[in-house]
Protein backbone atom coordinates (compact mmCIF):
# COMPACT_ATOMS: atom_id res chain seq x y z
CA UNK A 1 103.57 75.88 121.12
CA UNK A 2 101.97 75.09 124.48
CA UNK A 3 99.26 77.75 124.20
CA UNK A 4 97.77 76.27 121.03
CA UNK A 5 94.87 73.84 121.37
CA UNK A 6 94.43 72.63 117.82
CA UNK A 7 94.98 73.20 114.12
CA UNK A 8 92.83 71.26 111.70
CA UNK A 9 92.16 71.35 107.98
CA UNK A 10 90.32 69.69 105.15
CA UNK A 11 90.62 66.35 103.46
CA UNK A 12 94.01 64.85 103.03
CA UNK A 13 95.51 66.51 106.08
CA UNK A 14 98.10 64.71 108.14
CA UNK A 15 100.22 65.41 111.18
CA UNK A 16 99.70 68.83 112.72
CA UNK A 17 96.98 70.12 110.44
CA UNK A 18 96.15 71.11 106.88
CA UNK A 19 98.64 71.19 104.06
CA UNK A 20 99.98 74.46 102.70
CA UNK A 21 97.25 76.19 100.72
CA UNK A 22 94.37 74.37 102.40
CA UNK A 23 91.65 76.11 104.38
CA UNK A 24 92.21 76.14 108.12
CA UNK A 25 88.96 74.65 109.37
CA UNK A 26 89.68 75.25 113.02
CA UNK A 27 92.51 76.85 114.96
CA UNK A 28 92.35 77.73 118.65
CA UNK A 29 95.01 79.45 120.68
CA UNK A 30 94.58 80.10 124.38
CA UNK A 31 96.48 82.50 126.60
CA UNK A 32 98.85 84.04 124.11
CA UNK A 33 100.05 87.64 123.79
CA UNK A 34 98.05 89.43 121.10
CA UNK A 35 99.30 92.51 119.23
CA UNK A 36 96.78 94.45 117.15
CA UNK A 37 98.39 97.51 115.51
CA UNK A 38 95.05 98.70 114.08
CA UNK A 39 93.40 99.15 117.48
CA UNK A 40 96.72 99.93 119.13
CA UNK A 41 96.05 97.23 121.70
CA UNK A 42 98.27 94.45 122.98
CA UNK A 43 97.96 92.02 125.84
CA UNK A 44 96.84 88.53 126.89
CA UNK A 45 94.16 87.01 124.75
CA UNK A 46 92.78 84.11 122.78
CA UNK A 47 91.90 83.62 119.12
CA UNK A 48 89.67 81.16 117.30
CA UNK A 49 89.68 80.56 113.54
CA UNK A 50 86.80 78.61 111.99
CA UNK A 51 86.62 77.80 108.30
CA UNK A 52 89.35 80.32 107.56
CA UNK A 53 87.58 83.18 109.34
CA UNK A 54 88.91 84.88 112.47
CA UNK A 55 85.82 83.96 114.45
CA UNK A 56 86.75 85.50 117.79
CA UNK A 57 89.43 87.62 119.44
CA UNK A 58 89.10 87.59 123.23
CA UNK A 59 91.15 89.92 125.40
CA UNK A 60 91.89 88.57 128.87
CA UNK A 61 92.37 90.34 132.15
CA UNK A 62 92.50 89.57 135.83
CA UNK A 63 93.11 85.99 136.86
CA UNK A 64 92.58 84.72 133.32
CA UNK A 65 95.63 86.69 132.15
CA UNK A 66 97.98 85.49 134.86
CA UNK A 67 101.28 84.18 133.55
CA UNK A 68 100.76 85.49 130.01
CA UNK A 69 103.52 87.89 128.92
CA UNK A 70 104.94 89.22 125.68
CA UNK A 71 107.97 86.96 126.20
CA UNK A 72 106.09 83.83 125.11
CA UNK A 73 103.75 82.96 122.23
CA UNK A 74 102.69 86.06 120.29
CA UNK A 75 99.87 86.44 117.77
CA UNK A 76 100.02 89.31 115.28
CA UNK A 77 98.53 90.13 111.89
CA UNK A 78 100.41 88.59 108.98
CA UNK A 79 103.37 90.73 107.95
CA UNK A 80 103.52 92.79 104.75
CA UNK A 81 106.87 93.20 102.96
CA UNK A 82 106.74 96.16 100.61
CA UNK A 83 110.13 95.50 99.01
CA UNK A 84 111.26 92.04 97.92
CA UNK A 85 112.74 90.27 94.92
CA UNK A 86 111.46 86.84 93.91
CA UNK A 87 113.56 87.00 90.66
CA UNK A 88 110.91 85.48 88.39
CA UNK A 89 110.86 85.91 85.43
CA UNK A 90 114.45 85.78 84.29
CA UNK A 91 116.54 84.79 87.30
CA UNK A 92 114.85 81.63 88.54
CA UNK A 93 118.20 80.09 89.54
CA UNK A 94 118.25 82.59 92.42
CA UNK A 95 114.57 82.46 93.42
CA UNK A 96 111.11 81.73 92.06
CA UNK A 97 107.73 83.03 93.12
CA UNK A 98 107.08 79.61 94.67
CA UNK A 99 110.29 79.46 96.73
CA UNK A 100 110.03 83.13 97.62
CA UNK A 101 106.46 82.67 98.84
CA UNK A 102 107.49 79.71 100.98
CA UNK A 103 110.33 81.76 102.47
CA UNK A 104 107.96 84.66 103.11
CA UNK A 105 105.53 82.46 105.01
CA UNK A 106 108.39 81.03 107.06
CA UNK A 107 109.24 84.59 108.01
CA UNK A 108 105.65 85.39 109.00
CA UNK A 109 104.80 87.37 105.86
CA UNK A 110 101.39 86.89 104.26
CA UNK A 111 101.71 89.66 101.67
CA UNK A 112 104.76 90.56 99.59
CA UNK A 113 105.24 93.38 97.07
CA UNK A 114 107.76 92.50 94.38
CA UNK A 115 110.10 94.92 92.66
CA UNK A 116 110.13 95.09 88.84
CA UNK A 117 113.82 94.48 88.14
CA UNK A 118 113.16 91.12 86.54
CA UNK A 119 114.11 90.00 83.02
CA UNK A 120 112.16 91.23 81.19
CA UNK A 121 111.43 94.15 83.47
CA UNK A 122 107.90 94.42 84.74
CA UNK A 123 107.02 97.29 82.42
CA UNK A 124 104.20 95.53 80.60
CA UNK A 125 100.94 93.89 81.78
CA UNK A 126 102.08 90.64 80.21
CA UNK A 127 104.97 90.36 82.67
CA UNK A 128 102.63 90.99 85.58
CA UNK A 129 100.41 88.21 84.26
CA UNK A 130 103.41 85.85 84.31
CA UNK A 131 104.13 86.72 87.94
CA UNK A 132 100.51 86.17 88.91
CA UNK A 133 100.43 82.87 87.08
CA UNK A 134 103.51 81.72 88.95
CA UNK A 135 101.93 82.77 92.25
CA UNK A 136 98.77 80.80 91.48
CA UNK A 137 100.79 77.75 90.44
CA UNK A 138 102.84 77.84 93.64
CA UNK A 139 99.88 76.76 95.75
CA UNK A 140 100.89 79.22 98.44
CA UNK A 141 98.21 81.55 99.86
CA UNK A 142 100.78 84.31 100.35
CA UNK A 143 99.48 87.37 98.50
CA UNK A 144 101.93 88.43 95.78
CA UNK A 145 101.65 92.07 94.68
CA UNK A 146 103.98 93.87 92.30
CA UNK A 147 105.30 97.28 91.40
CA UNK A 148 105.53 98.24 87.75
CA UNK A 149 108.63 99.82 86.30
CA UNK A 150 108.71 103.62 86.10
CA UNK A 151 110.61 103.64 82.83
CA UNK A 152 110.45 101.34 79.83
CA UNK A 153 112.85 98.49 80.45
CA UNK A 154 114.00 100.39 83.56
CA UNK A 155 116.23 102.21 81.09
CA UNK A 156 115.51 105.66 82.45
CA UNK A 157 114.75 107.17 79.05
CA UNK A 158 110.96 107.22 78.79
CA UNK A 159 108.00 106.36 80.96
CA UNK A 160 106.58 102.86 80.90
CA UNK A 161 102.95 102.21 79.98
CA UNK A 162 101.90 103.40 83.43
CA UNK A 163 98.18 103.55 82.70
CA UNK A 164 98.09 100.03 81.29
CA UNK A 165 100.06 98.75 84.27
CA UNK A 166 97.63 100.44 86.66
CA UNK A 167 94.69 98.85 84.87
CA UNK A 168 96.45 95.49 85.16
CA UNK A 169 96.81 95.91 88.92
CA UNK A 170 100.30 97.11 89.87
CA UNK A 171 100.41 98.80 93.29
CA UNK A 172 102.86 101.55 92.35
CA UNK A 173 105.96 102.18 90.28
CA UNK A 174 109.70 101.85 90.84
CA UNK A 175 112.93 101.45 88.92
CA UNK A 176 114.46 99.79 91.98
CA UNK A 177 118.02 98.66 91.58
CA UNK A 178 118.62 102.07 90.05
CA UNK A 179 117.31 105.57 90.71
CA UNK A 180 115.05 107.43 88.30
CA UNK A 181 117.67 108.78 85.93
CA UNK A 182 116.65 112.43 85.58
CA UNK A 183 114.61 114.95 87.58
CA UNK A 184 112.43 115.54 84.51
CA UNK A 185 111.53 111.85 84.24
CA UNK A 186 110.85 111.67 87.99
CA UNK A 187 108.55 114.68 87.82
CA UNK A 188 106.61 113.16 84.93
CA UNK A 189 106.34 109.86 86.80
CA UNK A 190 105.04 111.60 89.93
CA UNK A 191 102.42 113.45 87.88
CA UNK A 192 101.14 110.35 86.09
CA UNK A 193 101.27 108.12 89.17
CA UNK A 194 99.51 110.79 91.21
CA UNK A 195 96.75 110.98 88.64
CA UNK A 196 96.38 107.20 88.93
CA UNK A 197 96.40 107.29 92.73
CA UNK A 198 99.59 105.22 93.05
CA UNK A 199 102.95 105.93 94.72
CA UNK A 200 106.40 106.29 93.19
CA UNK A 201 108.95 104.17 95.07
CA UNK A 202 112.43 105.57 94.61
CA UNK A 203 115.84 104.00 95.07
CA UNK A 204 117.75 107.10 96.18
CA UNK A 205 121.26 107.05 94.74
CA UNK A 206 123.40 109.62 92.97
CA UNK A 207 125.18 107.42 90.45
CA UNK A 208 127.86 110.00 89.73
CA UNK A 209 128.90 109.93 93.37
CA UNK A 210 128.61 106.17 93.89
CA UNK A 211 130.20 104.88 90.66
CA UNK A 212 132.74 102.16 91.42
CA UNK A 213 131.97 102.09 95.14
CA UNK A 214 132.23 98.90 97.15
CA UNK A 215 131.42 99.90 100.74
CA UNK A 216 130.35 102.89 102.81
CA UNK A 217 133.04 105.57 102.67
CA UNK A 218 134.84 105.84 105.97
CA UNK A 219 137.26 104.20 108.37
CA UNK A 220 136.33 100.57 107.66
CA UNK A 221 136.44 100.95 103.87
CA UNK A 222 139.82 102.66 104.10
CA UNK A 223 141.33 99.92 106.26
CA UNK A 224 139.82 97.21 104.07
CA UNK A 225 141.00 98.84 100.84
CA UNK A 226 137.48 99.17 99.43
CA UNK A 227 136.28 102.03 97.24
CA UNK A 228 134.00 104.25 99.30
CA UNK A 229 130.37 105.22 98.74
CA UNK A 230 130.01 108.71 100.26
CA UNK A 231 127.03 109.60 102.43
CA UNK A 232 126.27 112.29 99.86
CA UNK A 233 125.51 109.50 97.37
CA UNK A 234 122.22 108.97 99.19
CA UNK A 235 121.64 112.42 100.64
CA UNK A 236 121.91 114.35 97.37
CA UNK A 237 119.47 111.93 95.71
CA UNK A 238 116.95 112.33 98.53
CA UNK A 239 117.26 116.12 98.34
CA UNK A 240 116.66 116.01 94.58
CA UNK A 241 113.66 113.73 94.93
CA UNK A 242 112.05 115.87 97.63
CA UNK A 243 112.54 119.04 95.58
CA UNK A 244 110.95 117.42 92.54
CA UNK A 245 108.03 116.15 94.65
CA UNK A 246 107.41 119.61 96.10
CA UNK A 247 107.34 121.06 92.60
CA UNK A 248 105.11 118.34 91.15
CA UNK A 249 102.48 118.86 93.85
CA UNK A 250 101.65 122.20 92.30
CA UNK A 251 100.33 120.41 89.23
CA UNK A 252 99.21 117.12 90.79
CA UNK A 253 98.19 117.20 94.49
CA UNK A 254 97.85 113.42 94.42
CA UNK A 255 101.58 112.82 93.84
CA UNK A 256 103.14 110.57 96.47
CA UNK A 257 106.77 109.54 96.97
CA UNK A 258 108.17 106.63 98.95
CA UNK A 259 111.92 106.42 99.51
CA UNK A 260 113.02 102.86 100.04
CA UNK A 261 115.90 101.36 102.07
CA UNK A 262 117.27 104.65 103.40
CA UNK A 263 120.44 104.08 105.38
CA UNK A 264 122.10 107.31 106.55
CA UNK A 265 121.30 109.83 109.26
CA UNK A 266 121.32 112.95 107.05
CA UNK A 267 118.99 111.38 104.48
CA UNK A 268 116.52 110.35 107.17
CA UNK A 269 116.65 113.83 108.66
CA UNK A 270 115.71 115.30 105.28
CA UNK A 271 112.63 113.06 105.21
CA UNK A 272 111.77 113.96 108.80
CA UNK A 273 111.81 117.65 107.96
CA UNK A 274 109.90 117.14 104.72
CA UNK A 275 107.15 115.24 106.52
CA UNK A 276 106.96 117.95 109.18
CA UNK A 277 106.51 120.48 106.37
CA UNK A 278 103.58 118.47 105.03
CA UNK A 279 105.12 116.79 101.98
CA UNK A 280 103.43 113.45 101.10
CA UNK A 281 106.62 111.41 101.46
CA UNK A 282 107.22 108.15 103.30
CA UNK A 283 110.25 105.91 103.68
CA UNK A 284 111.31 102.53 104.95
CA UNK A 285 114.42 101.02 106.51
CA UNK A 286 115.69 97.44 106.28
CA UNK A 287 116.54 94.97 109.04
CA UNK A 288 120.17 94.92 107.92
CA UNK A 289 120.56 98.69 108.06
CA UNK A 290 119.05 98.63 111.55
CA UNK A 291 121.23 95.87 112.93
CA UNK A 292 124.45 95.53 110.89
CA UNK A 293 127.23 98.05 110.26
CA UNK A 294 130.16 98.33 107.90
CA UNK A 295 132.43 96.72 110.51
CA UNK A 296 130.75 93.40 109.67
CA UNK A 297 132.71 93.48 106.41
CA UNK A 298 135.87 93.35 108.49
CA UNK A 299 134.58 90.35 110.45
CA UNK A 300 132.66 91.86 113.37
CA UNK A 301 129.38 90.19 114.28
CA UNK A 302 128.06 92.36 117.11
CA UNK A 303 124.78 94.18 116.62
CA UNK A 304 124.88 97.81 115.52
CA UNK A 305 123.77 99.08 118.94
CA UNK A 306 126.64 97.18 120.55
CA UNK A 307 129.10 98.95 118.23
CA UNK A 308 127.90 102.44 119.22
CA UNK A 309 130.22 104.31 121.57
CA UNK A 310 128.93 106.54 124.36
CA UNK A 311 129.71 109.65 122.34
CA UNK A 312 127.57 108.44 119.42
CA UNK A 313 130.45 107.33 117.21
CA UNK A 314 131.41 103.83 116.10
CA UNK A 315 133.69 101.76 118.28
CA UNK A 316 136.89 100.51 116.65
CA UNK A 317 136.53 96.77 115.97
CA UNK A 318 140.28 96.32 115.59
CA UNK A 319 140.95 97.79 119.03
CA UNK A 320 138.16 96.23 121.07
CA UNK A 321 138.44 92.68 119.70
CA UNK A 322 135.14 92.60 117.83
CA UNK A 323 136.51 90.80 114.77
CA UNK A 324 135.29 87.25 115.32
CA UNK A 325 134.68 86.14 111.74
CA UNK A 326 136.46 86.28 108.41
CA UNK A 327 136.56 89.51 106.38
CA UNK A 328 134.98 90.30 102.99
CA UNK A 329 131.86 88.13 103.42
CA UNK A 330 130.08 88.95 100.16
CA UNK A 331 126.64 88.43 101.68
CA UNK A 332 127.29 91.84 103.26
CA UNK A 333 127.59 93.62 99.92
CA UNK A 334 124.32 95.51 99.64
CA UNK A 335 122.93 98.62 97.96
CA UNK A 336 122.94 101.02 99.75
CA UNK A 337 125.97 99.75 101.64
CA UNK A 338 126.03 99.06 105.36
CA UNK A 339 126.94 102.30 107.08
CA UNK A 340 128.15 103.26 110.56
CA UNK A 341 126.73 102.49 113.99
CA UNK A 342 125.53 106.10 114.17
CA UNK A 343 123.65 105.67 110.89
CA UNK A 344 122.08 102.44 112.17
CA UNK A 345 121.01 104.32 115.31
CA UNK A 346 119.46 106.97 113.07
CA UNK A 347 117.52 104.27 111.19
CA UNK A 348 116.21 103.01 114.51
CA UNK A 349 115.30 106.49 115.70
CA UNK A 350 113.43 107.10 112.45
CA UNK A 351 111.51 103.87 112.93
CA UNK A 352 110.62 104.69 116.52
CA UNK A 353 109.48 108.26 115.84
CA UNK A 354 107.53 107.37 112.70
CA UNK A 355 109.78 109.06 110.16
CA UNK A 356 110.20 105.59 108.68
CA UNK A 357 106.75 104.11 108.16
CA UNK A 358 107.87 100.56 107.59
CA UNK A 359 110.53 97.90 107.75
CA UNK A 360 111.07 96.40 104.29
CA UNK A 361 113.32 93.38 103.93
CA UNK A 362 114.74 94.12 100.46
CA UNK A 363 114.93 90.33 100.22
CA UNK A 364 117.53 89.79 97.50
CA UNK A 365 118.46 86.13 96.97
CA UNK A 366 121.43 85.33 94.74
CA UNK A 367 123.13 82.25 93.41
CA UNK A 368 126.49 81.08 94.71
CA UNK A 369 128.02 82.07 91.37
CA UNK A 370 126.95 85.68 91.90
CA UNK A 371 128.21 85.87 95.46
CA UNK A 372 131.34 83.71 95.73
CA UNK A 373 133.58 86.23 93.98
CA UNK A 374 135.73 89.19 95.05
CA UNK A 375 133.80 91.45 97.41
CA UNK A 376 133.62 94.38 95.01
CA UNK A 377 132.34 92.17 92.18
CA UNK A 378 129.61 90.40 94.14
CA UNK A 379 125.97 91.08 93.38
CA UNK A 380 124.25 93.33 95.90
CA UNK A 381 121.76 91.88 98.34
CA UNK A 382 120.92 89.80 101.39
CA UNK A 383 118.43 86.95 101.53
CA UNK A 384 116.51 88.40 104.44
CA UNK A 385 112.78 87.73 104.43
CA UNK A 386 113.11 84.76 106.79
CA UNK A 387 115.38 86.51 109.30
CA UNK A 388 113.65 89.91 109.47
CA UNK A 389 111.51 89.04 112.48
CA UNK A 390 114.46 87.63 114.41
CA UNK A 391 116.52 90.76 113.75
CA UNK A 392 113.70 93.04 114.94
CA UNK A 393 113.10 90.88 118.01
CA UNK A 394 116.81 91.20 118.83
CA UNK A 395 116.20 94.96 118.95
CA UNK A 396 113.16 94.36 121.16
CA UNK A 397 115.12 92.05 123.47
CA UNK A 398 117.83 94.72 123.76
CA UNK A 399 115.25 97.26 124.91
CA UNK A 400 115.76 99.39 121.81
CA UNK A 401 112.39 98.88 120.10
CA UNK A 402 108.92 98.30 121.58
CA UNK A 403 107.33 95.06 120.38
CA UNK A 404 104.18 96.89 119.28
CA UNK A 405 106.19 99.29 117.14
CA UNK A 406 108.09 96.40 115.53
CA UNK A 407 104.80 94.71 114.62
CA UNK A 408 103.31 97.96 113.30
CA UNK A 409 106.36 98.50 111.09
CA UNK A 410 105.68 95.10 109.52
CA UNK A 411 101.92 95.54 109.16
CA UNK A 412 100.07 98.86 109.30
CA UNK A 413 103.17 100.84 108.34
CA UNK A 414 103.54 99.18 104.94
CA UNK A 415 99.78 99.43 104.43
CA UNK A 416 100.05 103.22 104.76
CA UNK A 417 102.32 103.17 101.71
CA UNK A 418 100.37 100.59 99.68
CA UNK A 419 96.63 100.48 100.21
CA UNK A 420 96.02 97.49 97.94
CA UNK A 421 96.93 94.79 100.45
CA UNK A 422 94.73 92.88 102.90
CA UNK A 423 93.74 94.49 106.24
CA UNK A 424 96.46 94.40 108.88
CA UNK A 425 94.54 94.00 112.14
CA UNK A 426 93.08 91.25 114.29
CA UNK A 427 89.57 91.79 112.98
CA UNK A 428 86.76 89.44 113.91
CA UNK A 429 84.76 88.19 110.95
CA UNK A 430 87.55 88.74 108.44
CA UNK A 431 89.60 86.01 106.72
CA UNK A 432 92.32 84.99 109.15
CA UNK A 433 95.65 86.59 108.32
CA UNK A 434 97.93 85.73 111.23
CA UNK A 435 101.42 84.91 112.32
CA UNK A 436 102.08 83.03 115.54
CA UNK A 437 105.63 83.08 116.90
CA UNK A 438 107.30 82.11 120.15
CA UNK A 439 109.62 84.72 121.63
CA UNK A 440 110.83 82.22 124.21
CA UNK A 441 112.18 79.94 121.50
CA UNK A 442 115.17 80.50 119.25
CA UNK A 443 116.29 79.04 115.96
CA UNK A 444 119.63 78.76 114.18
CA UNK A 445 119.97 80.17 110.70
CA UNK A 446 121.43 77.50 108.43
CA UNK A 447 121.28 76.94 104.67
CA UNK A 448 118.95 74.03 105.39
CA UNK A 449 116.60 76.08 107.58
CA UNK A 450 116.10 78.75 104.91
CA UNK A 451 113.32 77.93 102.46
CA UNK A 452 114.55 80.57 100.01
CA UNK A 453 116.90 79.45 97.26
CA UNK A 454 119.11 82.33 98.36
CA UNK A 455 121.48 81.32 101.14
CA UNK A 456 123.37 84.64 100.99
CA UNK A 457 122.86 85.70 104.59
CA UNK A 458 125.54 86.95 107.00
CA UNK A 459 123.43 85.43 109.78
CA UNK A 460 124.23 81.83 108.76
CA UNK A 461 125.24 80.02 111.94
CA UNK A 462 123.65 82.61 114.22
CA UNK A 463 120.82 81.95 116.65
CA UNK A 464 117.84 84.31 116.44
CA UNK A 465 114.87 84.82 118.75
CA UNK A 466 111.28 84.26 117.74
CA UNK A 467 110.55 80.95 116.07
CA UNK A 468 107.60 81.28 113.69
CA UNK A 469 105.16 78.51 114.57
CA UNK A 470 102.28 79.19 112.21
CA UNK A 471 101.38 81.55 109.36
CA UNK A 472 97.82 81.73 108.05
CA UNK A 473 97.16 83.82 104.94
CA UNK A 474 93.59 84.67 103.92
CA UNK A 475 92.32 81.76 106.01
CA UNK A 476 94.66 79.20 104.47
CA UNK A 477 97.76 77.54 105.85
CA UNK A 478 100.91 79.21 104.58
CA UNK A 479 103.48 77.76 106.99
CA UNK A 480 103.56 75.48 110.02
CA UNK A 481 106.64 74.65 112.04
CA UNK A 482 107.40 70.97 111.62
CA UNK A 483 108.92 70.82 115.12
CA UNK A 484 105.75 71.94 116.91
CA UNK A 485 104.42 69.37 119.36
CA UNK A 486 101.76 67.27 117.67
CA UNK A 487 99.59 67.26 120.75
CA UNK A 488 99.66 71.04 121.04
CA UNK A 489 99.02 71.79 117.36
C-alpha cells in the first residue's frame, strides 16, 4: 500500500492503526486512483480522513498526477450489497451477522441488505430487532439493513404485517428463496409496498417449470445427467411479474419492482423493454452469473467470456480441453442455476447498458453438511461477498467492463433500488465510507482467507485481482489488510 501515508485510531490501537469498530482519527492517501460514481469522475487524487470525516478529496493533474493509473491503488465509496444472507436467526452454523459483517468488510462492502429467509422468517418487527441486536453486538461498523418478508412466514398465503415492518425500518419486501406464489398476492404486495414507498424484490421463478431441476437445461446438463431447469422457468416468471406491475400502477403509481439475480438473456431483454416503456422496474445480476457458466459443473474453470465462441454460442468444454477440475462441485449449485456463456454475456451487456442497475452478491454461505452431498441434493448458494470485487476486476482486466461502471454497480446502482443506505460518493465533510484496494496485487482464495463461515466457493485455490487493503464504514475501521506494510499504513 505504497500510496498510503498513515492510518491512526484511538486508544488501545496497535500495529497498523485502530481496531475494528474504532474511529479512524487520521488516514491519508497520496497519489491513488479515485473513483466517484456520484460525480461521474475518476482519476489521480488524494484523500484525507480526520476524526472519521472525509476531510478532503483532492483531484490531481499535470505533473502531480504523473505515474498514477487505475492499475494501482484505487479508492472508491464503500460497496453496497443489496442481496445477502447472514443466516441469523436460525442458521448460525452457516453464518452469523458478526461473521457475515467481517466477510463483507473484507470484500469492501460497508452496507449489506439481508434477505428475510431466516428461521423464523423476518415477517415480524421482533425478528428485525434480533438482527439489529446481533449487528450491534458484532462491533462491526458495517451497516446491516434488512428486507421484510412479503408473506407471513414466507408461506405465500397471506401478506405479512407490511405496515408494522415498515415502521420498524425494513427497506423493502421479498420472499427470496421462493417467488411470490400467486399473481394476486404479488399485486397486493405491490400496492401496499407502493403506498409505503418501498420496493418489492422478487425472486423470479416458475416453480411448475423448475420442479426437480438440478442445472440449467441444455447440453451440459444432458451430458452430466442432471435434470434441467428451462430458460422459461425464469422468463415466464419475469413476464408475469411485469404484467402484474403494469396493472398495479393503475391503482398505485408508487409501486416499484426489483427483480433479483436474473440470469438469462430473454429475461433481461424483457426488463430492458419494460424499462424503455417506462415501467418502474429494476434488476440486478450476480458475480457468478457474470463470470461462471454451466460448464463449470463439468469441471471447466475458464471465465464465461473465454467460453463464448465467435458466433455467440458456448464452446464445447469436452472438445477444447477446458475440463481442468473435477465435476459436480456442489458449490456451483445455485438458484437460478449457472446458464450458458451467451446468457453470461447478456448479463454483462445488461450491466454495461444500465438494464441491470446493480451487482448483488447473493452471498449464501452453507455448512459442509449442506454442501458435501450429491449435486442435486446440495443446498443452493455460493459464499461470494468476499470474491465479488475480484470477479468484477477480472472482467475489467479482460477489457469487458469499465472500472467506473463496475464501481457504480456496487455503489450508486444499489442505492437507486434502496434509498435507505448511506451516500455512495466521495463527499467532503461526510463520514468516511471508503474502500481502498490494490489492482496491482492479487490474492488466493482459500478457506483460511475467507472470513465468512461459508467456504462454499468454486474459486477456492484461484488467484483473484484486487486485494482489499482498507475498508472504512461511517468513519470507523471495518477491515484492514494484515499484510500491509507497517510503515506505509
